[in-house]
Amino acid sequence: MPELPDVEGFRKVLESCAKGRVIQRIEVRDTGVLHGVSARGLRSALEGRRFTTPERHGKWLLARTGDGPTLLLHFGMTGRVVCAGPEEAAGAHDRVLFTLTGGHQLRFRDQRKLQGLWLAQDEALVARLLDRQGPDALAVDRAEFEAALASRRGGVKTALTDQSVLAGLGNLLADEILWRAGLRPTARTGDLTEAERRRLYTQLRRTLRSAVAAGCVPPRDSWLTGHRDAPDPACPRCGYPLRRTRVAGRGTVWCPHCQPGPG
């Protein structure tokens, strides 16, 4: 599933492929990815307009067109954007194709179609679509982070993956950050000490910086992510056998030795 680092990578693809280019033609190959707008409405609103600098908030990508409408993209489990030449044959999962000046084509590709594209005619609608999103995990400062945690009771992993608390973190990032911070996924947010909250914020920042640079949550040998799918996974820090469980319905991997505590 695309998480914040993946979507930041998609933002860079959109910027390099489409920024400053005029949308000459839009081909909607599957209307199932459109939300609140028809294929005709999408073409009418965007053809002839020029993409400006894209933005990202959490797992949402905002493709702006200056003083025109904003295209919002959410990638669900399998979505992505790719840049191709118009002469390249469209793939089976290429749902919407934007042909641009300069010989570029931006494609929204998604196998499972769990989310898709929205069109906001003004900033008020952008704000409504993002209304339930918490602060962006990459941009949040410590005071905002503390306030976001304080707004939730229950387990810390559940809080980290709740997009209304903090936008952008998914299953892999949450497990990675908690492992680095030495906190059990089921530890209650209200029970964290000041030192533990500070450590959690520090590891959030460090993990995100590394993952954004990689364009994903990298399965490195030194990362928990690099071992979680092994048949008999061991902690890359201490060698202790990793445990698997489910937290809020999500597959969760953690080290009982490096992440001690109740829960």
C-alpha atoms as a PDB file:
ATOM      1  CA  MET A   1       0.000   0.000   0.000  1.00  0.00           C
ATOM      2  CA  PRO A   2       1.404   3.417  -0.876  1.00  0.00           C
ATOM      3  CA  GLU A   3       2.368   5.369   2.228  1.00  0.00           C
ATOM      4  CA  LEU A   4       3.679   8.908   2.606  1.00  0.00           C
ATOM      5  CA  PRO A   5       7.123   8.224   1.031  1.00  0.00           C
ATOM      6  CA  ASP A   6       5.512   6.589  -2.013  1.00  0.00           C
ATOM      7  CA  VAL A   7       3.060   9.458  -2.480  1.00  0.00           C
ATOM      8  CA  GLU A   8       5.878  11.977  -2.124  1.00  0.00           C
ATOM      9  CA  GLY A   9       7.587  10.045  -4.932  1.00  0.00           C
ATOM     10  CA  PHE A  10       4.395  10.281  -7.006  1.00  0.00           C
ATOM     11  CA  ARG A  11       4.364  14.032  -6.344  1.00  0.00           C
ATOM     12  CA  LYS A  12       7.858  14.277  -7.814  1.00  0.00           C
ATOM     13  CA  VAL A  13       6.800  12.227 -10.844  1.00  0.00           C
ATOM     14  CA  LEU A  14       3.835  14.535 -11.406  1.00  0.00           C
ATOM     15  CA  GLU A  15       6.007  17.618 -11.030  1.00  0.00           C
ATOM     16  CA  SER A  16       8.719  16.448 -13.426  1.00  0.00           C
ATOM     17  CA  CYS A  17       6.227  15.103 -15.972  1.00  0.00           C
ATOM     18  CA  ALA A  18       3.453  17.684 -15.888  1.00  0.00           C
ATOM     19  CA  LYS A  19       4.399  20.963 -14.191  1.00  0.00           C
ATOM     20  CA  GLY A  20       3.976  23.885 -16.584  1.00  0.00           C
ATOM     21  CA  ARG A  21       2.510  21.684 -19.318  1.00  0.00           C
ATOM     22  CA  VAL A  22      -0.908  22.157 -20.870  1.00  0.00           C
ATOM     23  CA  ILE A  23      -3.398  19.313 -20.599  1.00  0.00           C
ATOM     24  CA  GLN A  24      -4.247  18.673 -24.235  1.00  0.00           C
ATOM     25  CA  ARG A  25      -6.458  15.618 -23.854  1.00  0.00           C
ATOM     26  CA  ILE A  26      -7.840  13.413 -21.094  1.00  0.00           C
ATOM     27  CA  GLU A  27      -8.792   9.806 -21.801  1.00  0.00           C
ATOM     28  CA  VAL A  28     -10.829   8.120 -19.080  1.00  0.00           C
ATOM     29  CA  ARG A  29     -10.524   4.391 -19.649  1.00  0.00           C
ATOM     30  CA  ASP A  30     -12.375   3.423 -16.453  1.00  0.00           C
ATOM     31  CA  THR A  31     -14.915   5.745 -14.801  1.00  0.00           C
ATOM     32  CA  GLY A  32     -14.784   3.576 -11.670  1.00  0.00           C
ATOM     33  CA  VAL A  33     -11.866   5.659 -10.368  1.00  0.00           C
ATOM     34  CA  LEU A  34     -13.736   8.974 -10.677  1.00  0.00           C
ATOM     35  CA  HIS A  35     -15.521  10.350  -7.606  1.00  0.00           C
ATOM     36  CA  GLY A  36     -18.068  13.143  -7.837  1.00  0.00           C
ATOM     37  CA  VAL A  37     -17.196  13.970 -11.436  1.00  0.00           C
ATOM     38  CA  SER A  38     -17.977  12.385 -14.799  1.00  0.00           C
ATOM     39  CA  ALA A  39     -15.456  11.727 -17.545  1.00  0.00           C
ATOM     40  CA  ARG A  40     -17.027  14.557 -19.541  1.00  0.00           C
ATOM     41  CA  GLY A  41     -16.895  16.873 -16.543  1.00  0.00           C
ATOM     42  CA  LEU A  42     -13.243  16.057 -15.935  1.00  0.00           C
ATOM     43  CA  ARG A  43     -12.338  16.818 -19.543  1.00  0.00           C
ATOM     44  CA  SER A  44     -14.351  20.024 -19.595  1.00  0.00           C
ATOM     45  CA  ALA A  45     -12.755  21.276 -16.361  1.00  0.00           C
ATOM     46  CA  LEU A  46      -9.132  20.432 -17.104  1.00  0.00           C
ATOM     47  CA  GLU A  47      -8.417  20.252 -20.842  1.00  0.00           C
ATOM     48  CA  GLY A  48      -6.593  23.392 -21.933  1.00  0.00           C
ATOM     49  CA  ARG A  49      -5.394  24.162 -18.418  1.00  0.00           C
ATOM     50  CA  ARG A  50      -1.818  23.980 -17.205  1.00  0.00           C
ATOM     51  CA  PHE A  51      -0.586  21.946 -14.228  1.00  0.00           C
ATOM     52  CA  THR A  52       1.303  23.970 -11.625  1.00  0.00           C
ATOM     53  CA  THR A  53       3.397  22.782  -8.674  1.00  0.00           C
ATOM     54  CA  PRO A  54       1.723  19.724  -7.087  1.00  0.00           C
ATOM     55  CA  GLU A  55       1.310  19.342  -3.353  1.00  0.00           C
ATOM     56  CA  ARG A  56       0.899  16.423  -0.987  1.00  0.00           C
ATOM     57  CA  HIS A  57      -0.915  16.049   2.323  1.00  0.00           C
ATOM     58  CA  GLY A  58      -0.510  12.669   3.959  1.00  0.00           C
ATOM     59  CA  LYS A  59      -1.457  10.082   1.338  1.00  0.00           C
ATOM     60  CA  TRP A  60      -3.312  12.627  -0.829  1.00  0.00           C
ATOM     61  CA  LEU A  61      -1.760  14.227  -3.906  1.00  0.00           C
ATOM     62  CA  LEU A  62      -3.047  17.614  -5.074  1.00  0.00           C
ATOM     63  CA  ALA A  63      -2.514  18.425  -8.765  1.00  0.00           C
ATOM     64  CA  ARG A  64      -3.245  22.137  -9.039  1.00  0.00           C
ATOM     65  CA  THR A  65      -3.987  24.153 -12.176  1.00  0.00           C
ATOM     66  CA  GLY A  66      -3.281  27.692 -10.967  1.00  0.00           C
ATOM     67  CA  ASP A  67      -6.561  29.517 -10.444  1.00  0.00           C
ATOM     68  CA  GLY A  68      -8.463  26.575 -11.948  1.00  0.00           C
ATOM     69  CA  PRO A  69      -9.736  23.364 -10.355  1.00  0.00           C
ATOM     70  CA  THR A  70      -7.557  21.050  -8.275  1.00  0.00           C
ATOM     71  CA  LEU A  71      -7.337  17.347  -9.078  1.00  0.00           C
ATOM     72  CA  LEU A  72      -6.976  15.248  -5.930  1.00  0.00           C
ATOM     73  CA  LEU A  73      -5.589  11.721  -6.126  1.00  0.00           C
ATOM     74  CA  HIS A  74      -5.643   8.980  -3.503  1.00  0.00           C
ATOM     75  CA  PHE A  75      -3.911   5.712  -4.270  1.00  0.00           C
ATOM     76  CA  GLY A  76      -5.616   3.166  -2.028  1.00  0.00           C
ATOM     77  CA  MET A  77      -3.784  -0.160  -2.043  1.00  0.00           C
ATOM     78  CA  THR A  78      -2.330  -0.312  -5.550  1.00  0.00           C
ATOM     79  CA  GLY A  79      -2.520   3.122  -7.187  1.00  0.00           C
ATOM     80  CA  ARG A  80       0.321   5.173  -8.618  1.00  0.00           C
ATOM     81  CA  VAL A  81       1.102   7.811 -11.245  1.00  0.00           C
ATOM     82  CA  VAL A  82       3.561   7.172 -14.055  1.00  0.00           C
ATOM     83  CA  CYS A  83       4.996   9.322 -16.809  1.00  0.00           C
ATOM     84  CA  ALA A  84       5.001   7.813 -20.281  1.00  0.00           C
ATOM     85  CA  GLY A  85       5.205   8.774 -23.907  1.00  0.00           C
ATOM     86  CA  PRO A  86       1.857   8.914 -25.746  1.00  0.00           C
ATOM     87  CA  GLU A  87       3.158   6.330 -28.193  1.00  0.00           C
ATOM     88  CA  GLU A  88       3.535   3.768 -25.394  1.00  0.00           C
ATOM     89  CA  ALA A  89       0.616   1.353 -25.245  1.00  0.00           C
ATOM     90  CA  ALA A  90      -1.583   1.836 -22.204  1.00  0.00           C
ATOM     91  CA  GLY A  91      -1.447  -0.937 -19.634  1.00  0.00           C
ATOM     92  CA  ALA A  92      -4.404  -2.944 -18.422  1.00  0.00           C
ATOM     93  CA  HIS A  93      -4.540  -0.941 -15.200  1.00  0.00           C
ATOM     94  CA  ASP A  94      -4.027   2.544 -16.685  1.00  0.00           C
ATOM     95  CA  ARG A  95      -7.364   4.134 -15.764  1.00  0.00           C
ATOM     96  CA  VAL A  96      -6.948   7.810 -16.728  1.00  0.00           C
ATOM     97  CA  LEU A  97      -4.460   9.257 -19.239  1.00  0.00           C
ATOM     98  CA  PHE A  98      -3.504  12.946 -19.396  1.00  0.00           C
ATOM     99  CA  THR A  99      -1.783  13.864 -22.662  1.00  0.00           C
ATOM    100  CA  LEU A 100       0.370  16.968 -22.164  1.00  0.00           C
ATOM    101  CA  THR A 101       2.350  19.340 -24.314  1.00  0.00           C
ATOM    102  CA  GLY A 102       5.961  18.365 -24.850  1.00  0.00           C
ATOM    103  CA  GLY A 103       5.261  14.715 -25.620  1.00  0.00           C
ATOM    104  CA  HIS A 104       4.456  13.654 -22.064  1.00  0.00           C
ATOM    105  CA  GLN A 105       1.574  11.555 -20.808  1.00  0.00           C
ATOM    106  CA  LEU A 106       0.662  11.299 -17.141  1.00  0.00           C
ATOM    107  CA  ARG A 107      -1.166   8.092 -16.244  1.00  0.00           C
ATOM    108  CA  PHE A 108      -3.152   7.126 -13.178  1.00  0.00           C
ATOM    109  CA  ARG A 109      -2.559   3.398 -12.798  1.00  0.00           C
ATOM    110  CA  ASP A 110      -4.442   1.281 -10.276  1.00  0.00           C
ATOM    111  CA  GLN A 111      -5.206  -2.405 -10.208  1.00  0.00           C
ATOM    112  CA  ARG A 112      -7.753  -2.600  -7.394  1.00  0.00           C
ATOM    113  CA  LYS A 113      -9.446   0.811  -7.752  1.00  0.00           C
ATOM    114  CA  LEU A 114     -10.068   1.300  -4.038  1.00  0.00           C
ATOM    115  CA  GLN A 115      -9.694   5.095  -4.225  1.00  0.00           C
ATOM    116  CA  GLY A 116      -9.079   7.286  -7.279  1.00  0.00           C
ATOM    117  CA  LEU A 117      -9.578  10.881  -8.461  1.00  0.00           C
ATOM    118  CA  TRP A 118     -11.652  13.798  -7.170  1.00  0.00           C
ATOM    119  CA  LEU A 119     -12.071  17.247  -8.721  1.00  0.00           C
ATOM    120  CA  ALA A 120     -12.339  20.315  -6.492  1.00  0.00           C
ATOM    121  CA  GLN A 121     -13.530  23.489  -8.190  1.00  0.00           C
ATOM    122  CA  ASP A 122     -12.324  25.706  -5.338  1.00  0.00           C
ATOM    123  CA  GLU A 123     -10.299  25.693  -2.119  1.00  0.00           C
ATOM    124  CA  ALA A 124     -13.404  25.243  -0.005  1.00  0.00           C
ATOM    125  CA  LEU A 125     -14.010  21.833  -1.588  1.00  0.00           C
ATOM    126  CA  VAL A 126     -10.317  20.916  -1.230  1.00  0.00           C
ATOM    127  CA  ALA A 127     -10.616  21.720   2.466  1.00  0.00           C
ATOM    128  CA  ARG A 128     -13.792  19.612   2.789  1.00  0.00           C
ATOM    129  CA  LEU A 129     -12.160  16.622   1.101  1.00  0.00           C
ATOM    130  CA  LEU A 130      -9.180  16.858   3.460  1.00  0.00           C
ATOM    131  CA  ASP A 131     -11.256  17.832   6.487  1.00  0.00           C
ATOM    132  CA  ARG A 132     -10.732  14.543   8.322  1.00  0.00           C
ATOM    133  CA  GLN A 133      -6.973  14.508   7.789  1.00  0.00           C
ATOM    134  CA  GLY A 134      -4.673  15.255  10.695  1.00  0.00           C
ATOM    135  CA  PRO A 135      -1.402  17.166  10.318  1.00  0.00           C
ATOM    136  CA  ASP A 136       0.984  15.834   7.692  1.00  0.00           C
ATOM    137  CA  ALA A 137       3.431  13.413   9.295  1.00  0.00           C
ATOM    138  CA  LEU A 138       6.417  14.845   7.421  1.00  0.00           C
ATOM    139  CA  ALA A 139       5.630  18.454   8.307  1.00  0.00           C
ATOM    140  CA  VAL A 140       4.288  18.068  11.853  1.00  0.00           C
ATOM    141  CA  ASP A 141       6.291  19.801  14.589  1.00  0.00           C
ATOM    142  CA  ARG A 142       6.681  18.375  18.060  1.00  0.00           C
ATOM    143  CA  ALA A 143       3.924  20.489  19.628  1.00  0.00           C
ATOM    144  CA  GLU A 144       1.443  19.402  16.922  1.00  0.00           C
ATOM    145  CA  PHE A 145       2.580  15.803  17.347  1.00  0.00           C
ATOM    146  CA  GLU A 146       2.031  15.920  21.107  1.00  0.00           C
ATOM    147  CA  ALA A 147      -1.418  17.439  20.589  1.00  0.00           C
ATOM    148  CA  ALA A 148      -2.322  14.799  17.996  1.00  0.00           C
ATOM    149  CA  LEU A 149      -1.332  11.962  20.341  1.00  0.00           C
ATOM    150  CA  ALA A 150      -3.203  13.569  23.220  1.00  0.00           C
ATOM    151  CA  SER A 151      -6.366  13.561  21.104  1.00  0.00           C
ATOM    152  CA  ARG A 152      -6.446   9.752  20.999  1.00  0.00           C
ATOM    153  CA  ARG A 153      -6.845   7.077  23.621  1.00  0.00           C
ATOM    154  CA  GLY A 154      -5.893   3.469  23.064  1.00  0.00           C
ATOM    155  CA  GLY A 155      -2.865   1.873  21.458  1.00  0.00           C
ATOM    156  CA  VAL A 156      -0.060   3.921  20.005  1.00  0.00           C
ATOM    157  CA  LYS A 157       0.041   2.056  16.689  1.00  0.00           C
ATOM    158  CA  THR A 158      -3.679   2.570  16.218  1.00  0.00           C
ATOM    159  CA  ALA A 159      -3.128   6.297  16.787  1.00  0.00           C
ATOM    160  CA  LEU A 160      -0.190   6.515  14.371  1.00  0.00           C
ATOM    161  CA  THR A 161      -2.114   4.851  11.537  1.00  0.00           C
ATOM    162  CA  ASP A 162      -5.299   6.881  12.082  1.00  0.00           C
ATOM    163  CA  GLN A 163      -5.239   9.467   9.288  1.00  0.00           C
ATOM    164  CA  SER A 164      -7.377  11.840  11.359  1.00  0.00           C
ATOM    165  CA  VAL A 165      -4.616  11.899  13.989  1.00  0.00           C
ATOM    166  CA  LEU A 166      -1.566  12.018  11.721  1.00  0.00           C
ATOM    167  CA  ALA A 167      -1.777  11.927   7.929  1.00  0.00           C
ATOM    168  CA  GLY A 168       0.524   9.727   5.887  1.00  0.00           C
ATOM    169  CA  LEU A 169       1.578   6.783   8.031  1.00  0.00           C
ATOM    170  CA  GLY A 170       0.604   3.244   7.120  1.00  0.00           C
ATOM    171  CA  ASN A 171       1.318  -0.187   8.498  1.00  0.00           C
ATOM    172  CA  LEU A 172       4.983  -0.489   7.513  1.00  0.00           C
ATOM    173  CA  LEU A 173       5.979   2.963   8.709  1.00  0.00           C
ATOM    174  CA  ALA A 174       4.159   2.624  12.023  1.00  0.00           C
ATOM    175  CA  ASP A 175       5.863  -0.693  12.821  1.00  0.00           C
ATOM    176  CA  GLU A 176       9.251   0.673  11.754  1.00  0.00           C
ATOM    177  CA  ILE A 177       8.947   3.840  13.845  1.00  0.00           C
ATOM    178  CA  LEU A 178       7.752   1.999  16.942  1.00  0.00           C
ATOM    179  CA  TRP A 179      10.562  -0.553  16.657  1.00  0.00           C
ATOM    180  CA  ARG A 180      13.139   2.213  16.379  1.00  0.00           C
ATOM    181  CA  ALA A 181      11.582   4.027  19.328  1.00  0.00           C
ATOM    182  CA  GLY A 182      11.521   0.851  21.442  1.00  0.00           C
ATOM    183  CA  LEU A 183       7.767   1.038  22.035  1.00  0.00           C
ATOM    184  CA  ARG A 184       5.337  -1.849  21.912  1.00  0.00           C
ATOM    185  CA  PRO A 185       2.570  -1.298  19.313  1.00  0.00           C
ATOM    186  CA  THR A 186      -0.139  -1.889  21.917  1.00  0.00           C
ATOM    187  CA  ALA A 187       1.293   0.576  24.469  1.00  0.00           C
ATOM    188  CA  ARG A 188      -1.402   3.095  25.354  1.00  0.00           C
ATOM    189  CA  THR A 189      -0.800   6.641  24.187  1.00  0.00           C
ATOM    190  CA  GLY A 190      -1.901   8.017  27.552  1.00  0.00           C
ATOM    191  CA  ASP A 191       0.719   5.939  29.355  1.00  0.00           C
ATOM    192  CA  LEU A 192       3.719   7.181  27.352  1.00  0.00           C
ATOM    193  CA  THR A 193       6.223   9.187  29.330  1.00  0.00           C
ATOM    194  CA  GLU A 194       7.572  12.499  28.104  1.00  0.00           C
ATOM    195  CA  ALA A 195      10.852  10.775  27.199  1.00  0.00           C
ATOM    196  CA  GLU A 196       8.991   8.091  25.225  1.00  0.00           C
ATOM    197  CA  ARG A 197       6.937  10.681  23.345  1.00  0.00           C
ATOM    198  CA  ARG A 198      10.110  12.625  22.544  1.00  0.00           C
ATOM    199  CA  ARG A 199      11.814   9.438  21.318  1.00  0.00           C
ATOM    200  CA  LEU A 200       8.785   8.537  19.222  1.00  0.00           C
ATOM    201  CA  TYR A 201       8.781  11.946  17.533  1.00  0.00           C
ATOM    202  CA  THR A 202      12.539  11.779  16.889  1.00  0.00           C
ATOM    203  CA  GLN A 203      12.226   8.361  15.242  1.00  0.00           C
ATOM    204  CA  LEU A 204       9.209   9.492  13.240  1.00  0.00           C
ATOM    205  CA  ARG A 205      11.308  12.290  11.745  1.00  0.00           C
ATOM    206  CA  ARG A 206      14.360  10.122  11.085  1.00  0.00           C
ATOM    207  CA  THR A 207      12.418   7.252   9.576  1.00  0.00           C
ATOM    208  CA  LEU A 208      10.403   9.505   7.287  1.00  0.00           C
ATOM    209  CA  ARG A 209      13.468  11.371   6.040  1.00  0.00           C
ATOM    210  CA  SER A 210      15.170   8.111   5.082  1.00  0.00           C
ATOM    211  CA  ALA A 211      12.042   6.613   3.541  1.00  0.00           C
ATOM    212  CA  VAL A 212      11.235   9.736   1.502  1.00  0.00           C
ATOM    213  CA  ALA A 213      14.791   9.733   0.136  1.00  0.00           C
ATOM    214  CA  ALA A 214      14.273   6.099  -0.900  1.00  0.00           C
ATOM    215  CA  GLY A 215      10.802   6.746  -2.346  1.00  0.00           C
ATOM    216  CA  CYS A 216       9.303   3.932  -0.267  1.00  0.00           C
ATOM    217  CA  VAL A 217       9.642   2.151   3.058  1.00  0.00           C
ATOM    218  CA  PRO A 218      12.847   0.349   2.060  1.00  0.00           C
ATOM    219  CA  PRO A 219      13.287  -3.332   2.962  1.00  0.00           C
ATOM    220  CA  ARG A 220      16.877  -2.815   4.134  1.00  0.00           C
ATOM    221  CA  ASP A 221      18.696  -5.367   6.281  1.00  0.00           C
ATOM    222  CA  SER A 222      19.095  -2.786   9.032  1.00  0.00           C
ATOM    223  CA  TRP A 223      15.356  -2.008   9.035  1.00  0.00           C
ATOM    224  CA  LEU A 224      12.549  -4.020  10.593  1.00  0.00           C
ATOM    225  CA  THR A 225      10.838  -3.783   7.193  1.00  0.00           C
ATOM    226  CA  GLY A 226      13.624  -5.852   5.666  1.00  0.00           C
ATOM    227  CA  HIS A 227      12.821  -8.818   7.913  1.00  0.00           C
ATOM    228  CA  ARG A 228       9.098  -8.754   8.598  1.00  0.00           C
ATOM    229  CA  ASP A 229       8.164 -11.068   5.709  1.00  0.00           C
ATOM    230  CA  ALA A 230      10.825 -13.717   6.382  1.00  0.00           C
ATOM    231  CA  PRO A 231       9.527 -17.204   7.306  1.00  0.00           C
ATOM    232  CA  ASP A 232      11.208 -16.977  10.733  1.00  0.00           C
ATOM    233  CA  PRO A 233      11.946 -13.278  11.160  1.00  0.00           C
ATOM    234  CA  ALA A 234      14.601 -12.111  13.597  1.00  0.00           C
ATOM    235  CA  CYS A 235      15.205  -8.631  14.908  1.00  0.00           C
ATOM    236  CA  PRO A 236      17.994  -6.898  12.947  1.00  0.00           C
ATOM    237  CA  ARG A 237      19.086  -5.119  16.133  1.00  0.00           C
ATOM    238  CA  CYS A 238      19.260  -7.911  18.726  1.00  0.00           C
ATOM    239  CA  GLY A 239      18.580 -11.140  16.813  1.00  0.00           C
ATOM    240  CA  TYR A 240      15.586 -12.027  18.990  1.00  0.00           C
ATOM    241  CA  PRO A 241      12.691 -13.729  17.137  1.00  0.00           C
ATOM    242  CA  LEU A 242      10.147 -11.198  15.957  1.00  0.00           C
ATOM    243  CA  ARG A 243       6.512 -11.657  16.811  1.00  0.00           C
ATOM    244  CA  ARG A 244       3.508 -11.231  14.578  1.00  0.00           C
ATOM    245  CA  THR A 245       0.098 -10.166  15.780  1.00  0.00           C
ATOM    246  CA  ARG A 246      -2.825  -8.028  14.669  1.00  0.00           C
ATOM    247  CA  VAL A 247      -3.463  -4.530  15.953  1.00  0.00           C
ATOM    248  CA  ALA A 248      -6.687  -2.819  14.874  1.00  0.00           C
ATOM    249  CA  GLY A 249      -7.003  -5.425  12.120  1.00  0.00           C
ATOM    250  CA  ARG A 250      -3.505  -4.807  10.757  1.00  0.00           C
ATOM    251  CA  GLY A 251      -0.686  -7.327  10.553  1.00  0.00           C
ATOM    252  CA  THR A 252       1.891  -6.127  13.065  1.00  0.00           C
ATOM    253  CA  VAL A 253       5.509  -7.153  13.584  1.00  0.00           C
ATOM    254  CA  TRP A 254       7.527  -6.241  16.675  1.00  0.00           C
ATOM    255  CA  CYS A 255      10.452  -7.365  18.838  1.00  0.00           C
ATOM    256  CA  PRO A 256       9.597  -8.364  22.429  1.00  0.00           C
ATOM    257  CA  HIS A 257      13.201  -7.728  23.491  1.00  0.00           C
ATOM    258  CA  CYS A 258      13.644  -4.265  21.911  1.00  0.00           C
ATOM    259  CA  GLN A 259      10.046  -3.166  22.508  1.00  0.00           C
ATOM    260  CA  PRO A 260       9.336  -4.146  26.118  1.00  0.00           C
ATOM    261  CA  GLY A 261       6.514  -2.935  28.297  1.00  0.00           C
ATOM    262  CA  PRO A 262       2.866  -3.699  29.025  1.00  0.00           C
ATOM    263  CA  GLY A 263       0.446  -4.623  26.266  1.00  0.00           C
END
